[in-house]
N, C-alpha and C. Protein backbone atom coordinates (compact mmCIF):
# COMPACT_ATOMS: atom_id res chain seq x y z
N MET A 1 0.84 -1.19 0.00
CA MET A 1 0.00 0.00 0.00
C MET A 1 0.88 1.24 0.00
N ASN A 2 0.57 2.15 -0.84
CA ASN A 2 1.31 3.40 -0.93
C ASN A 2 0.95 4.29 0.27
N GLU A 3 1.92 4.92 0.88
CA GLU A 3 1.68 5.76 2.06
C GLU A 3 0.78 6.95 1.78
N THR A 4 0.63 7.33 0.52
CA THR A 4 -0.21 8.48 0.20
C THR A 4 -1.67 8.08 0.01
N GLU A 5 -1.95 6.78 -0.05
CA GLU A 5 -3.33 6.33 -0.21
C GLU A 5 -4.08 6.51 1.11
N PRO A 6 -5.36 6.85 1.05
CA PRO A 6 -6.13 7.00 2.29
C PRO A 6 -6.32 5.64 2.96
N ARG A 7 -6.36 5.66 4.26
CA ARG A 7 -6.57 4.43 5.02
C ARG A 7 -8.06 4.15 5.14
N ALA A 8 -8.39 2.90 5.35
CA ALA A 8 -9.80 2.51 5.51
C ALA A 8 -10.37 3.13 6.78
N THR A 9 -11.63 3.50 6.74
CA THR A 9 -12.29 4.05 7.92
C THR A 9 -13.47 3.14 8.27
N LEU A 10 -13.80 3.13 9.54
CA LEU A 10 -14.91 2.31 10.01
C LEU A 10 -16.22 3.03 9.74
N THR A 11 -17.24 2.26 9.42
CA THR A 11 -18.55 2.86 9.18
C THR A 11 -19.47 2.72 10.37
N GLY A 12 -19.10 1.89 11.34
CA GLY A 12 -19.93 1.69 12.51
C GLY A 12 -19.09 1.78 13.78
N PRO A 13 -19.72 1.60 14.92
CA PRO A 13 -18.97 1.67 16.17
C PRO A 13 -18.01 0.48 16.28
N PRO A 14 -16.89 0.65 16.97
CA PRO A 14 -15.95 -0.45 17.12
C PRO A 14 -16.52 -1.54 18.03
N THR A 15 -16.05 -2.75 17.88
CA THR A 15 -16.44 -3.86 18.73
C THR A 15 -15.59 -3.81 19.99
N THR A 16 -16.22 -3.94 21.16
CA THR A 16 -15.46 -3.96 22.41
C THR A 16 -15.66 -5.28 23.12
N SER A 17 -14.67 -5.66 23.91
CA SER A 17 -14.73 -6.88 24.69
C SER A 17 -14.05 -6.61 26.02
N THR A 18 -14.70 -6.99 27.12
CA THR A 18 -14.11 -6.83 28.44
C THR A 18 -13.75 -8.20 28.98
N ILE A 19 -12.50 -8.36 29.40
CA ILE A 19 -12.07 -9.63 29.98
C ILE A 19 -11.48 -9.37 31.35
N PHE A 20 -11.50 -10.39 32.19
CA PHE A 20 -10.93 -10.31 33.52
C PHE A 20 -9.85 -11.39 33.62
N TYR A 21 -8.72 -11.06 34.21
CA TYR A 21 -7.64 -12.02 34.37
C TYR A 21 -7.09 -11.88 35.77
N PRO A 22 -6.94 -12.92 36.54
CA PRO A 22 -7.35 -14.28 36.23
C PRO A 22 -8.87 -14.40 36.14
N ALA A 23 -9.33 -15.45 35.50
CA ALA A 23 -10.75 -15.59 35.19
C ALA A 23 -11.63 -15.76 36.42
N ASN A 24 -11.16 -16.42 37.45
CA ASN A 24 -11.96 -16.66 38.65
C ASN A 24 -11.02 -16.67 39.84
N SER A 25 -11.08 -15.66 40.67
CA SER A 25 -10.12 -15.59 41.77
C SER A 25 -10.61 -14.63 42.84
N GLU A 26 -10.20 -14.87 44.05
CA GLU A 26 -10.46 -13.94 45.14
C GLU A 26 -9.34 -12.92 45.24
N HIS A 27 -8.30 -13.08 44.45
CA HIS A 27 -7.14 -12.20 44.47
C HIS A 27 -7.38 -11.01 43.55
N PRO A 28 -6.52 -10.02 43.62
CA PRO A 28 -6.66 -8.89 42.69
C PRO A 28 -6.72 -9.37 41.25
N ALA A 29 -7.46 -8.65 40.45
CA ALA A 29 -7.66 -9.05 39.05
C ALA A 29 -7.43 -7.84 38.16
N PHE A 30 -7.17 -8.11 36.91
CA PHE A 30 -7.07 -7.06 35.90
C PHE A 30 -8.36 -7.04 35.10
N LYS A 31 -8.92 -5.86 34.89
CA LYS A 31 -10.06 -5.68 33.98
C LYS A 31 -9.47 -5.05 32.72
N ILE A 32 -9.58 -5.75 31.61
CA ILE A 32 -8.98 -5.30 30.37
C ILE A 32 -10.10 -5.08 29.36
N VAL A 33 -10.19 -3.87 28.83
CA VAL A 33 -11.19 -3.55 27.81
C VAL A 33 -10.45 -3.48 26.47
N LEU A 34 -10.87 -4.35 25.54
CA LEU A 34 -10.27 -4.39 24.22
C LEU A 34 -11.21 -3.80 23.19
N VAL A 35 -10.66 -3.16 22.18
CA VAL A 35 -11.44 -2.57 21.11
C VAL A 35 -10.90 -3.10 19.79
N GLU A 36 -11.82 -3.56 18.92
CA GLU A 36 -11.42 -4.03 17.60
C GLU A 36 -11.69 -2.93 16.59
N GLN A 37 -10.66 -2.52 15.90
CA GLN A 37 -10.80 -1.52 14.85
C GLN A 37 -9.99 -1.98 13.65
N ALA A 38 -10.63 -2.01 12.52
CA ALA A 38 -9.99 -2.41 11.26
C ALA A 38 -9.34 -3.77 11.38
N GLY A 39 -9.98 -4.70 12.09
CA GLY A 39 -9.50 -6.07 12.18
C GLY A 39 -8.40 -6.30 13.20
N ALA A 40 -8.02 -5.29 13.98
CA ALA A 40 -6.96 -5.45 14.98
C ALA A 40 -7.52 -5.11 16.37
N TRP A 41 -7.14 -5.91 17.37
CA TRP A 41 -7.58 -5.66 18.75
C TRP A 41 -6.53 -4.83 19.46
N GLU A 42 -6.96 -3.82 20.19
CA GLU A 42 -6.07 -2.97 20.96
C GLU A 42 -6.67 -2.79 22.36
N ALA A 43 -5.81 -2.68 23.36
CA ALA A 43 -6.28 -2.44 24.72
C ALA A 43 -6.72 -0.98 24.83
N GLU A 44 -7.98 -0.79 25.22
CA GLU A 44 -8.49 0.56 25.43
C GLU A 44 -8.19 1.02 26.85
N SER A 45 -8.32 0.09 27.81
CA SER A 45 -8.00 0.42 29.19
C SER A 45 -7.66 -0.85 29.96
N VAL A 46 -6.84 -0.68 30.99
CA VAL A 46 -6.49 -1.77 31.90
C VAL A 46 -6.64 -1.21 33.30
N GLU A 47 -7.36 -1.97 34.14
CA GLU A 47 -7.65 -1.52 35.49
C GLU A 47 -7.30 -2.65 36.46
N ILE A 48 -6.71 -2.32 37.60
CA ILE A 48 -6.43 -3.33 38.63
C ILE A 48 -7.56 -3.26 39.65
N LEU A 49 -8.23 -4.39 39.87
CA LEU A 49 -9.36 -4.46 40.81
C LEU A 49 -8.89 -5.11 42.11
N ASP A 50 -9.53 -4.77 43.22
CA ASP A 50 -9.19 -5.38 44.51
C ASP A 50 -9.48 -6.87 44.52
N ARG A 51 -10.55 -7.25 43.85
CA ARG A 51 -10.91 -8.67 43.74
C ARG A 51 -11.72 -8.86 42.48
N HIS A 52 -11.87 -10.11 42.08
CA HIS A 52 -12.60 -10.42 40.85
C HIS A 52 -14.05 -10.02 41.03
N PRO A 53 -14.66 -9.34 40.05
CA PRO A 53 -16.03 -8.84 40.19
C PRO A 53 -17.11 -9.92 40.10
N VAL A 54 -16.79 -11.09 39.58
CA VAL A 54 -17.79 -12.15 39.43
C VAL A 54 -17.84 -12.96 40.72
N GLN A 55 -19.01 -13.02 41.31
CA GLN A 55 -19.19 -13.78 42.54
C GLN A 55 -19.40 -15.25 42.23
N GLU A 56 -18.86 -16.11 43.06
CA GLU A 56 -19.08 -17.55 42.91
C GLU A 56 -20.55 -17.86 43.23
N PRO A 57 -21.19 -18.75 42.48
CA PRO A 57 -22.58 -19.10 42.79
C PRO A 57 -22.68 -19.81 44.14
N ASP A 58 -23.82 -19.61 44.79
CA ASP A 58 -24.04 -20.30 46.07
C ASP A 58 -24.06 -21.79 45.86
N SER A 59 -23.58 -22.52 46.87
CA SER A 59 -23.53 -23.98 46.75
C SER A 59 -24.89 -24.61 47.00
N GLY A 60 -25.89 -23.80 47.26
CA GLY A 60 -27.25 -24.32 47.50
C GLY A 60 -27.47 -24.49 48.98
N THR A 61 -28.48 -23.82 49.50
CA THR A 61 -28.73 -23.90 50.94
C THR A 61 -30.08 -24.49 51.20
């Protein structure tokens, strides 16, 4: 591709995905928000959480 050619532009909103790492833990976790633009994923934000936001289901009482 010639550097003087215009680059492709998106016609709609970018796709976002939020992941937590580690996936299930009582320990601090990372919340990572990814954005897909023009076929490539990039980190939009990374946050350190005190604990994983997903609660374990009750074992049944």
